[in-house]
Every structure is written in structure tokens, then in C-alpha cells.
Amino acid sequence: MTLRAGRPSRGGGMDALKAKVRGDVPRKVRLNVNMDEDLYWELKRKALEERTTVTDVVIRLVTRHVRRTGG
């Protein structure tokens, strides 16, 4: 095992960069959303019922909406 400086979450270095350039890894973007607290708690409740995360629920809902509307 070797020690090296840097953030653990940024693992992969050049290999990860090369994979992105080749298109092997789907690129993700971060999305911040402001919403009413009541809506957030509804999403949280739904996520708990489905044993998943709020992020997964939102991604699924957005994907469904975009596909349905032809976005």
C-alpha cells in the first residue's frame, strides 16, 4: 500500500480522466434545488417507504417526466 496526498473521493486520477474522455463513464452533474419544506418531507417519506434515497426518488421522477414529455 502506498500513501499519497489528495482527496480520497477523487481516486482514479488519470485513469478516471481517460475513461471520461473515451466515454466509458456516464458524466454526472450536481443539481441543487430549493423547495418547500413540506415537499421535501413528502419526498423523504416516499424514499423511506421505497427503501431508497431522496436523490434516487428525484432522479426517477425527473427521468419519467422528461421521457413522458419528450423533454
PDB file of N, CA and C in Angstrom:
ATOM      1  N   MET A   1       0.840  -1.176   0.000  1.00  0.00           N
ATOM      2  CA  MET A   1       0.000   0.000   0.000  1.00  0.00           C
ATOM      3  C   MET A   1       0.883   1.236   0.000  1.00  0.00           C
ATOM      4  N   THR A   2       0.575   2.176  -0.858  1.00  0.00           N
ATOM      5  CA  THR A   2       1.343   3.414  -0.900  1.00  0.00           C
ATOM      6  C   THR A   2       0.490   4.558  -0.397  1.00  0.00           C
ATOM      7  N   LEU A   3       1.155   5.505   0.186  1.00  0.00           N
ATOM      8  CA  LEU A   3       0.471   6.692   0.674  1.00  0.00           C
ATOM      9  C   LEU A   3       0.669   7.810  -0.327  1.00  0.00           C
ATOM     10  N   ARG A   4      -0.397   8.558  -0.572  1.00  0.00           N
ATOM     11  CA  ARG A   4      -0.249   9.710  -1.448  1.00  0.00           C
ATOM     12  C   ARG A   4      -1.223  10.792  -1.013  1.00  0.00           C
ATOM     13  N   ALA A   5      -0.856  11.995  -1.305  1.00  0.00           N
ATOM     14  CA  ALA A   5      -1.683  13.132  -0.922  1.00  0.00           C
ATOM     15  C   ALA A   5      -2.870  13.256  -1.863  1.00  0.00           C
ATOM     16  N   GLY A   6      -3.906  13.907  -1.392  1.00  0.00           N
ATOM     17  CA  GLY A   6      -5.071  14.139  -2.236  1.00  0.00           C
ATOM     18  C   GLY A   6      -6.340  13.687  -1.545  1.00  0.00           C
ATOM     19  N   ARG A   7      -7.428  14.042  -2.146  1.00  0.00           N
ATOM     20  CA  ARG A   7      -8.724  13.687  -1.584  1.00  0.00           C
ATOM     21  C   ARG A   7      -9.072  12.250  -1.952  1.00  0.00           C
ATOM     22  N   PRO A   8      -9.475  11.441  -0.980  1.00  0.00           N
ATOM     23  CA  PRO A   8      -9.838  10.053  -1.272  1.00  0.00           C
ATOM     24  C   PRO A   8     -10.989   9.946  -2.263  1.00  0.00           C
ATOM     25  N   SER A   9     -11.891  10.930  -2.237  1.00  0.00           N
ATOM     26  CA  SER A   9     -13.040  10.877  -3.134  1.00  0.00           C
ATOM     27  C   SER A   9     -12.658  11.132  -4.581  1.00  0.00           C
ATOM     28  N   ARG A  10     -11.467  11.595  -4.801  1.00  0.00           N
ATOM     29  CA  ARG A  10     -11.020  11.892  -6.162  1.00  0.00           C
ATOM     30  C   ARG A  10     -10.121  10.789  -6.705  1.00  0.00           C
ATOM     31  N   GLY A  11     -10.333   9.579  -6.230  1.00  0.00           N
ATOM     32  CA  GLY A  11      -9.497   8.462  -6.647  1.00  0.00           C
ATOM     33  C   GLY A  11      -9.604   8.186  -8.139  1.00  0.00           C
ATOM     34  N   GLY A  12      -8.610   7.541  -8.676  1.00  0.00           N
ATOM     35  CA  GLY A  12      -8.642   7.191 -10.084  1.00  0.00           C
ATOM     36  C   GLY A  12      -7.695   8.026 -10.915  1.00  0.00           C
ATOM     37  N   GLY A  13      -7.560   9.283 -10.579  1.00  0.00           N
ATOM     38  CA  GLY A  13      -6.623  10.157 -11.265  1.00  0.00           C
ATOM     39  C   GLY A  13      -6.743  10.111 -12.778  1.00  0.00           C
ATOM     40  N   MET A  14      -5.624   9.859 -13.432  1.00  0.00           N
ATOM     41  CA  MET A  14      -5.565   9.870 -14.896  1.00  0.00           C
ATOM     42  C   MET A  14      -6.425   8.762 -15.508  1.00  0.00           C
ATOM     43  N   ASP A  15      -6.522   7.624 -14.861  1.00  0.00           N
ATOM     44  CA  ASP A  15      -7.344   6.547 -15.394  1.00  0.00           C
ATOM     45  C   ASP A  15      -8.809   6.972 -15.492  1.00  0.00           C
ATOM     46  N   ALA A  16      -9.295   7.652 -14.462  1.00  0.00           N
ATOM     47  CA  ALA A  16     -10.678   8.133 -14.481  1.00  0.00           C
ATOM     48  C   ALA A  16     -10.858   9.185 -15.565  1.00  0.00           C
ATOM     49  N   LEU A  17      -9.879  10.072 -15.717  1.00  0.00           N
ATOM     50  CA  LEU A  17      -9.954  11.107 -16.745  1.00  0.00           C
ATOM     51  C   LEU A  17      -9.967  10.487 -18.135  1.00  0.00           C
ATOM     52  N   LYS A  18      -9.115   9.497 -18.376  1.00  0.00           N
ATOM     53  CA  LYS A  18      -9.079   8.838 -19.680  1.00  0.00           C
ATOM     54  C   LYS A  18     -10.403   8.132 -19.970  1.00  0.00           C
ATOM     55  N   ALA A  19     -10.990   7.511 -18.956  1.00  0.00           N
ATOM     56  CA  ALA A  19     -12.276   6.834 -19.137  1.00  0.00           C
ATOM     57  C   ALA A  19     -13.354   7.841 -19.508  1.00  0.00           C
ATOM     58  N   LYS A  20     -13.339   9.016 -18.890  1.00  0.00           N
ATOM     59  CA  LYS A  20     -14.328  10.048 -19.215  1.00  0.00           C
ATOM     60  C   LYS A  20     -14.166  10.514 -20.653  1.00  0.00           C
ATOM     61  N   VAL A  21     -12.934  10.688 -21.076  1.00  0.00           N
ATOM     62  CA  VAL A  21     -12.678  11.140 -22.443  1.00  0.00           C
ATOM     63  C   VAL A  21     -13.161  10.096 -23.442  1.00  0.00           C
ATOM     64  N   ARG A  22     -12.946   8.817 -23.122  1.00  0.00           N
ATOM     65  CA  ARG A  22     -13.403   7.748 -24.017  1.00  0.00           C
ATOM     66  C   ARG A  22     -14.913   7.590 -23.977  1.00  0.00           C
ATOM     67  N   GLY A  23     -15.543   8.113 -22.951  1.00  0.00           N
ATOM     68  CA  GLY A  23     -16.979   7.982 -22.838  1.00  0.00           C
ATOM     69  C   GLY A  23     -17.414   6.727 -22.105  1.00  0.00           C
ATOM     70  N   ASP A  24     -16.488   6.074 -21.410  1.00  0.00           N
ATOM     71  CA  ASP A  24     -16.819   4.846 -20.685  1.00  0.00           C
ATOM     72  C   ASP A  24     -17.677   5.106 -19.454  1.00  0.00           C
ATOM     73  N   VAL A  25     -17.539   6.271 -18.869  1.00  0.00           N
ATOM     74  CA  VAL A  25     -18.234   6.584 -17.623  1.00  0.00           C
ATOM     75  C   VAL A  25     -19.267   7.673 -17.899  1.00  0.00           C
ATOM     76  N   PRO A  26     -20.542   7.410 -17.607  1.00  0.00           N
ATOM     77  CA  PRO A  26     -21.536   8.464 -17.810  1.00  0.00           C
ATOM     78  C   PRO A  26     -21.217   9.643 -16.902  1.00  0.00           C
ATOM     79  N   ARG A  27     -21.217  10.815 -17.459  1.00  0.00           N
ATOM     80  CA  ARG A  27     -20.879  12.012 -16.706  1.00  0.00           C
ATOM     81  C   ARG A  27     -22.048  12.428 -15.831  1.00  0.00           C
ATOM     82  N   LYS A  28     -21.783  12.756 -14.592  1.00  0.00           N
ATOM     83  CA  LYS A  28     -22.811  13.186 -13.649  1.00  0.00           C
ATOM     84  C   LYS A  28     -22.614  14.662 -13.355  1.00  0.00           C
ATOM     85  N   VAL A  29     -23.708  15.368 -13.143  1.00  0.00           N
ATOM     86  CA  VAL A  29     -23.644  16.754 -12.709  1.00  0.00           C
ATOM     87  C   VAL A  29     -24.426  16.884 -11.411  1.00  0.00           C
ATOM     88  N   ARG A  30     -24.031  17.846 -10.608  1.00  0.00           N
ATOM     89  CA  ARG A  30     -24.702  18.063  -9.333  1.00  0.00           C
ATOM     90  C   ARG A  30     -25.789  19.106  -9.538  1.00  0.00           C
ATOM     91  N   LEU A  31     -26.943  18.867  -8.939  1.00  0.00           N
ATOM     92  CA  LEU A  31     -28.083  19.761  -9.073  1.00  0.00           C
ATOM     93  C   LEU A  31     -28.572  20.141  -7.684  1.00  0.00           C
ATOM     94  N   ASN A  32     -28.616  21.421  -7.407  1.00  0.00           N
ATOM     95  CA  ASN A  32     -29.153  21.910  -6.135  1.00  0.00           C
ATOM     96  C   ASN A  32     -30.524  22.499  -6.405  1.00  0.00           C
ATOM     97  N   VAL A  33     -31.474  22.168  -5.563  1.00  0.00           N
ATOM     98  CA  VAL A  33     -32.852  22.597  -5.765  1.00  0.00           C
ATOM     99  C   VAL A  33     -33.390  23.189  -4.472  1.00  0.00           C
ATOM    100  N   ASN A  34     -34.042  24.323  -4.579  1.00  0.00           N
ATOM    101  CA  ASN A  34     -34.748  24.902  -3.442  1.00  0.00           C
ATOM    102  C   ASN A  34     -36.202  24.490  -3.557  1.00  0.00           C
ATOM    103  N   MET A  35     -36.752  23.961  -2.468  1.00  0.00           N
ATOM    104  CA  MET A  35     -38.154  23.540  -2.473  1.00  0.00           C
ATOM    105  C   MET A  35     -38.764  23.793  -1.110  1.00  0.00           C
ATOM    106  N   ASP A  36     -40.078  23.794  -1.081  1.00  0.00           N
ATOM    107  CA  ASP A  36     -40.779  23.953   0.186  1.00  0.00           C
ATOM    108  C   ASP A  36     -40.448  22.781   1.102  1.00  0.00           C
ATOM    109  N   GLU A  37     -40.371  23.061   2.372  1.00  0.00           N
ATOM    110  CA  GLU A  37     -40.035  22.025   3.342  1.00  0.00           C
ATOM    111  C   GLU A  37     -41.069  20.900   3.333  1.00  0.00           C
ATOM    112  N   ASP A  38     -42.340  21.247   3.150  1.00  0.00           N
ATOM    113  CA  ASP A  38     -43.383  20.214   3.107  1.00  0.00           C
ATOM    114  C   ASP A  38     -43.150  19.234   1.966  1.00  0.00           C
ATOM    115  N   LEU A  39     -42.755  19.746   0.800  1.00  0.00           N
ATOM    116  CA  LEU A  39     -42.477  18.873  -0.340  1.00  0.00           C
ATOM    117  C   LEU A  39     -41.276  17.986  -0.063  1.00  0.00           C
ATOM    118  N   TYR A  40     -40.252  18.561   0.564  1.00  0.00           N
ATOM    119  CA  TYR A  40     -39.072  17.770   0.909  1.00  0.00           C
ATOM    120  C   TYR A  40     -39.457  16.601   1.810  1.00  0.00           C
ATOM    121  N   TRP A  41     -40.294  16.859   2.817  1.00  0.00           N
ATOM    122  CA  TRP A  41     -40.672  15.792   3.741  1.00  0.00           C
ATOM    123  C   TRP A  41     -41.538  14.746   3.050  1.00  0.00           C
ATOM    124  N   GLU A  42     -42.332  15.156   2.064  1.00  0.00           N
ATOM    125  CA  GLU A  42     -43.083  14.163   1.272  1.00  0.00           C
ATOM    126  C   GLU A  42     -42.127  13.270   0.494  1.00  0.00           C
ATOM    127  N   LEU A  43     -41.100  13.878  -0.120  1.00  0.00           N
ATOM    128  CA  LEU A  43     -40.098  13.094  -0.845  1.00  0.00           C
ATOM    129  C   LEU A  43     -39.349  12.163   0.103  1.00  0.00           C
ATOM    130  N   LYS A  44     -39.006  12.663   1.272  1.00  0.00           N
ATOM    131  CA  LYS A  44     -38.287  11.859   2.259  1.00  0.00           C
ATOM    132  C   LYS A  44     -39.140  10.664   2.700  1.00  0.00           C
ATOM    133  N   ARG A  45     -40.428  10.915   2.931  1.00  0.00           N
ATOM    134  CA  ARG A  45     -41.340   9.842   3.333  1.00  0.00           C
ATOM    135  C   ARG A  45     -41.446   8.789   2.229  1.00  0.00           C
ATOM    136  N   LYS A  46     -41.561   9.250   0.978  1.00  0.00           N
ATOM    137  CA  LYS A  46     -41.647   8.327  -0.159  1.00  0.00           C
ATOM    138  C   LYS A  46     -40.372   7.492  -0.266  1.00  0.00           C
ATOM    139  N   ALA A  47     -39.231   8.136  -0.086  1.00  0.00           N
ATOM    140  CA  ALA A  47     -37.954   7.417  -0.146  1.00  0.00           C
ATOM    141  C   ALA A  47     -37.870   6.358   0.953  1.00  0.00           C
ATOM    142  N   LEU A  48     -38.330   6.693   2.140  1.00  0.00           N
ATOM    143  CA  LEU A  48     -38.304   5.714   3.231  1.00  0.00           C
ATOM    144  C   LEU A  48     -39.220   4.535   2.940  1.00  0.00           C
ATOM    145  N   GLU A  49     -40.396   4.814   2.384  1.00  0.00           N
ATOM    146  CA  GLU A  49     -41.323   3.729   2.035  1.00  0.00           C
ATOM    147  C   GLU A  49     -40.722   2.792   1.000  1.00  0.00           C
ATOM    148  N   GLU A  50     -39.952   3.365   0.055  1.00  0.00           N
ATOM    149  CA  GLU A  50     -39.351   2.573  -1.017  1.00  0.00           C
ATOM    150  C   GLU A  50     -37.954   2.077  -0.673  1.00  0.00           C
ATOM    151  N   ARG A  51     -37.494   2.391   0.541  1.00  0.00           N
ATOM    152  CA  ARG A  51     -36.157   1.997   0.997  1.00  0.00           C
ATOM    153  C   ARG A  51     -35.072   2.438   0.028  1.00  0.00           C
ATOM    154  N   THR A  52     -35.123   3.715  -0.320  1.00  0.00           N
ATOM    155  CA  THR A  52     -34.133   4.299  -1.213  1.00  0.00           C
ATOM    156  C   THR A  52     -33.795   5.688  -0.693  1.00  0.00           C
ATOM    157  N   THR A  53     -33.156   6.508  -1.509  1.00  0.00           N
ATOM    158  CA  THR A  53     -32.781   7.859  -1.087  1.00  0.00           C
ATOM    159  C   THR A  53     -33.652   8.890  -1.790  1.00  0.00           C
ATOM    160  N   VAL A  54     -33.674  10.084  -1.216  1.00  0.00           N
ATOM    161  CA  VAL A  54     -34.403  11.188  -1.845  1.00  0.00           C
ATOM    162  C   VAL A  54     -33.813  11.455  -3.232  1.00  0.00           C
ATOM    163  N   THR A  55     -32.503  11.374  -3.351  1.00  0.00           N
ATOM    164  CA  THR A  55     -31.845  11.579  -4.648  1.00  0.00           C
ATOM    165  C   THR A  55     -32.379  10.601  -5.685  1.00  0.00           C
ATOM    166  N   ASP A  56     -32.465   9.327  -5.331  1.00  0.00           N
ATOM    167  CA  ASP A  56     -32.965   8.323  -6.270  1.00  0.00           C
ATOM    168  C   ASP A  56     -34.417   8.585  -6.648  1.00  0.00           C
ATOM    169  N   VAL A  57     -35.228   9.004  -5.687  1.00  0.00           N
ATOM    170  CA  VAL A  57     -36.633   9.304  -5.975  1.00  0.00           C
ATOM    171  C   VAL A  57     -36.721  10.475  -6.948  1.00  0.00           C
ATOM    172  N   VAL A  58     -35.956  11.526  -6.700  1.00  0.00           N
ATOM    173  CA  VAL A  58     -35.997  12.711  -7.569  1.00  0.00           C
ATOM    174  C   VAL A  58     -35.504  12.371  -8.973  1.00  0.00           C
ATOM    175  N   ILE A  59     -34.414  11.614  -9.066  1.00  0.00           N
ATOM    176  CA  ILE A  59     -33.890  11.229 -10.386  1.00  0.00           C
ATOM    177  C   ILE A  59     -34.935  10.424 -11.158  1.00  0.00           C
ATOM    178  N   ARG A  60     -35.580   9.476 -10.477  1.00  0.00           N
ATOM    179  CA  ARG A  60     -36.600   8.663 -11.138  1.00  0.00           C
ATOM    180  C   ARG A  60     -37.771   9.519 -11.613  1.00  0.00           C
ATOM    181  N   LEU A  61     -38.229  10.443 -10.767  1.00  0.00           N
ATOM    182  CA  LEU A  61     -39.350  11.300 -11.145  1.00  0.00           C
ATOM    183  C   LEU A  61     -38.999  12.226 -12.303  1.00  0.00           C
ATOM    184  N   VAL A  62     -37.816  12.809 -12.268  1.00  0.00           N
ATOM    185  CA  VAL A  62     -37.388  13.698 -13.356  1.00  0.00           C
ATOM    186  C   VAL A  62     -37.238  12.910 -14.649  1.00  0.00           C
ATOM    187  N   THR A  63     -36.626  11.737 -14.580  1.00  0.00           N
ATOM    188  CA  THR A  63     -36.455  10.896 -15.768  1.00  0.00           C
ATOM    189  C   THR A  63     -37.805  10.538 -16.369  1.00  0.00           C
ATOM    190  N   ARG A  64     -38.732  10.127 -15.534  1.00  0.00           N
ATOM    191  CA  ARG A  64     -40.074   9.771 -16.007  1.00  0.00           C
ATOM    192  C   ARG A  64     -40.753  10.969 -16.673  1.00  0.00           C
ATOM    193  N   HIS A  65     -40.613  12.137 -16.059  1.00  0.00           N
ATOM    194  CA  HIS A  65     -41.242  13.340 -16.612  1.00  0.00           C
ATOM    195  C   HIS A  65     -40.636  13.704 -17.965  1.00  0.00           C
ATOM    196  N   VAL A  66     -39.317  13.667 -18.062  1.00  0.00           N
ATOM    197  CA  VAL A  66     -38.640  14.029 -19.315  1.00  0.00           C
ATOM    198  C   VAL A  66     -39.011  13.055 -20.425  1.00  0.00           C
ATOM    199  N   ARG A  67     -39.047  11.774 -20.118  1.00  0.00           N
ATOM    200  CA  ARG A  67     -39.405  10.785 -21.139  1.00  0.00           C
ATOM    201  C   ARG A  67     -40.863  10.924 -21.579  1.00  0.00           C
ATOM    202  N   ARG A  68     -41.734  11.234 -20.629  1.00  0.00           N
ATOM    203  CA  ARG A  68     -43.150  11.368 -20.946  1.00  0.00           C
ATOM    204  C   ARG A  68     -43.437  12.612 -21.789  1.00  0.00           C
ATOM    205  N   THR A  69     -42.743  13.709 -21.495  1.00  0.00           N
ATOM    206  CA  THR A  69     -42.993  14.959 -22.198  1.00  0.00           C
ATOM    207  C   THR A  69     -42.106  15.133 -23.419  1.00  0.00           C
ATOM    208  N   GLY A  70     -41.173  14.222 -23.616  1.00  0.00           N
ATOM    209  CA  GLY A  70     -40.289  14.320 -24.767  1.00  0.00           C
ATOM    210  C   GLY A  70     -39.230  15.384 -24.628  1.00  0.00           C
ATOM    211  N   GLY A  71     -38.950  15.762 -23.373  1.00  0.00           N
ATOM    212  CA  GLY A  71     -38.020  16.817 -22.994  1.00  0.00           C
ATOM    213  C   GLY A  71     -36.757  16.848 -23.684  1.00  0.00           C
TER     214      GLY A  71
END
